[in-house]
Each structure stands twice: as structure tokens, then as C-alpha cells.
Amino acid sequence: VDDVLVWEAPWEGVRPPAVDPAAVRAMTDRLRAGGYDTALVLTSFHQSPLPAALLLRLAGVGRVGADST
């Protein structure tokens, strides 16, 4: 593991934060700037890893693995 990023995503939680397009762009830019070639998204059983995986792909991450346990 080279890096761990934690972000309060606007699609997670009982009361998710409002969607802030600038914050989503900032996270996408941060991911792109990191130059990551591989990412792993881990979520709990009631959360989908797909939105985070899409964000990673939009940031140019070529290989994304995801699991919901």
C-alpha cells in the first residue's frame, strides 16, 4: 500500500453531505495528481463501491478493484 485516501463521499451514510461539484472535482484532481495506476475500494455490505470506482476511473486510474463485505 502506497497511500490511503479518506473522503466523506456525498453518496455514503445515513445523512450524506450535499453534493458539492467543486469538492468532487477536487477529489478527482487529487486522484489524478497522485498518478495512481491501481486502486482498491472497500465498503460495508450496505454501501456500493461503484460510485467510488467510477470516480477513480474518471481520474484516470487504470485498474480498480472493489468489494463490499
C-alpha atoms as a PDB file:
ATOM      1  CA  VAL A   1       0.000   0.000   0.000  1.00  0.00           C
ATOM      2  CA  ASP A   2       1.485   3.293  -1.107  1.00  0.00           C
ATOM      3  CA  ASP A   3      -1.271   5.629   0.023  1.00  0.00           C
ATOM      4  CA  VAL A   4      -4.671   5.695   1.712  1.00  0.00           C
ATOM      5  CA  LEU A   5      -7.197   8.416   0.920  1.00  0.00           C
ATOM      6  CA  VAL A   6     -10.258   9.013   3.066  1.00  0.00           C
ATOM      7  CA  TRP A   7     -13.083  11.218   1.831  1.00  0.00           C
ATOM      8  CA  GLU A   8     -16.599  11.905   3.099  1.00  0.00           C
ATOM      9  CA  ALA A   9     -18.313  10.996  -0.144  1.00  0.00           C
ATOM     10  CA  PRO A  10     -21.630  12.684  -0.944  1.00  0.00           C
ATOM     11  CA  TRP A  11     -23.317   9.336  -1.629  1.00  0.00           C
ATOM     12  CA  GLU A  12     -22.493   7.485   1.614  1.00  0.00           C
ATOM     13  CA  GLY A  13     -24.006   7.387   5.069  1.00  0.00           C
ATOM     14  CA  VAL A  14     -27.386   7.830   6.691  1.00  0.00           C
ATOM     15  CA  ARG A  15     -27.231  11.584   6.142  1.00  0.00           C
ATOM     16  CA  PRO A  16     -24.707  12.106   3.375  1.00  0.00           C
ATOM     17  CA  PRO A  17     -23.365  15.599   2.840  1.00  0.00           C
ATOM     18  CA  ALA A  18     -24.769  17.668  -0.004  1.00  0.00           C
ATOM     19  CA  VAL A  19     -23.099  17.124  -3.352  1.00  0.00           C
ATOM     20  CA  ASP A  20     -20.536  19.850  -3.880  1.00  0.00           C
ATOM     21  CA  PRO A  21     -19.349  19.702  -7.512  1.00  0.00           C
ATOM     22  CA  ALA A  22     -16.177  21.598  -6.592  1.00  0.00           C
ATOM     23  CA  ALA A  23     -15.344  19.019  -3.891  1.00  0.00           C
ATOM     24  CA  VAL A  24     -15.935  16.151  -6.332  1.00  0.00           C
ATOM     25  CA  ARG A  25     -13.683  17.857  -8.901  1.00  0.00           C
ATOM     26  CA  ALA A  26     -11.059  18.464  -6.216  1.00  0.00           C
ATOM     27  CA  MET A  27     -11.037  14.770  -5.276  1.00  0.00           C
ATOM     28  CA  THR A  28     -10.843  13.732  -8.926  1.00  0.00           C
ATOM     29  CA  ASP A  29      -7.960  16.175  -9.419  1.00  0.00           C
ATOM     30  CA  ARG A  30      -6.230  14.863  -6.272  1.00  0.00           C
ATOM     31  CA  LEU A  31      -6.536  11.300  -7.536  1.00  0.00           C
ATOM     32  CA  ARG A  32      -5.277  12.263 -10.990  1.00  0.00           C
ATOM     33  CA  ALA A  33      -2.324  14.164  -9.498  1.00  0.00           C
ATOM     34  CA  GLY A  34      -1.406  11.089  -7.451  1.00  0.00           C
ATOM     35  CA  GLY A  35      -0.706   9.166 -10.638  1.00  0.00           C
ATOM     36  CA  TYR A  36      -2.260   6.001  -9.237  1.00  0.00           C
ATOM     37  CA  ASP A  37      -2.330   3.011 -11.561  1.00  0.00           C
ATOM     38  CA  THR A  38      -4.268   0.712  -9.206  1.00  0.00           C
ATOM     39  CA  ALA A  39      -6.911   1.314  -6.535  1.00  0.00           C
ATOM     40  CA  LEU A  40      -8.946  -0.834  -4.161  1.00  0.00           C
ATOM     41  CA  VAL A  41     -12.341   0.291  -2.838  1.00  0.00           C
ATOM     42  CA  LEU A  42     -13.608  -1.472   0.291  1.00  0.00           C
ATOM     43  CA  THR A  43     -17.085  -0.765   1.647  1.00  0.00           C
ATOM     44  CA  SER A  44     -19.515  -2.292   4.108  1.00  0.00           C
ATOM     45  CA  PHE A  45     -22.292  -4.583   2.896  1.00  0.00           C
ATOM     46  CA  HIS A  46     -24.849  -1.777   2.641  1.00  0.00           C
ATOM     47  CA  GLN A  47     -22.691   0.558   0.558  1.00  0.00           C
ATOM     48  CA  SER A  48     -21.941   0.193  -3.118  1.00  0.00           C
ATOM     49  CA  PRO A  49     -18.312   0.564  -4.206  1.00  0.00           C
ATOM     50  CA  LEU A  50     -19.443   1.570  -7.708  1.00  0.00           C
ATOM     51  CA  PRO A  51     -19.614   5.385  -7.259  1.00  0.00           C
ATOM     52  CA  ALA A  52     -16.065   5.455  -5.860  1.00  0.00           C
ATOM     53  CA  ALA A  53     -14.874   3.135  -8.614  1.00  0.00           C
ATOM     54  CA  LEU A  54     -16.374   5.473 -11.215  1.00  0.00           C
ATOM     55  CA  LEU A  55     -14.650   8.467  -9.611  1.00  0.00           C
ATOM     56  CA  LEU A  56     -11.342   6.584  -9.753  1.00  0.00           C
ATOM     57  CA  ARG A  57     -11.837   5.721 -13.413  1.00  0.00           C
ATOM     58  CA  LEU A  58     -12.705   9.349 -14.207  1.00  0.00           C
ATOM     59  CA  ALA A  59      -9.420  10.301 -12.527  1.00  0.00           C
ATOM     60  CA  GLY A  60      -7.532   8.006 -14.879  1.00  0.00           C
ATOM     61  CA  VAL A  61      -6.850   5.072 -12.560  1.00  0.00           C
ATOM     62  CA  GLY A  62      -6.500   2.148 -14.934  1.00  0.00           C
ATOM     63  CA  ARG A  63      -7.074  -0.754 -12.573  1.00  0.00           C
ATOM     64  CA  VAL A  64      -9.798  -0.594  -9.926  1.00  0.00           C
ATOM     65  CA  GLY A  65     -10.803  -3.430  -7.627  1.00  0.00           C
ATOM     66  CA  ALA A  66     -13.792  -3.210  -5.318  1.00  0.00           C
ATOM     67  CA  ASP A  67     -15.511  -5.296  -2.681  1.00  0.00           C
ATOM     68  CA  SER A  68     -18.463  -4.848  -0.390  1.00  0.00           C
ATOM     69  CA  THR A  69     -18.367  -7.061   2.700  1.00  0.00           C
END
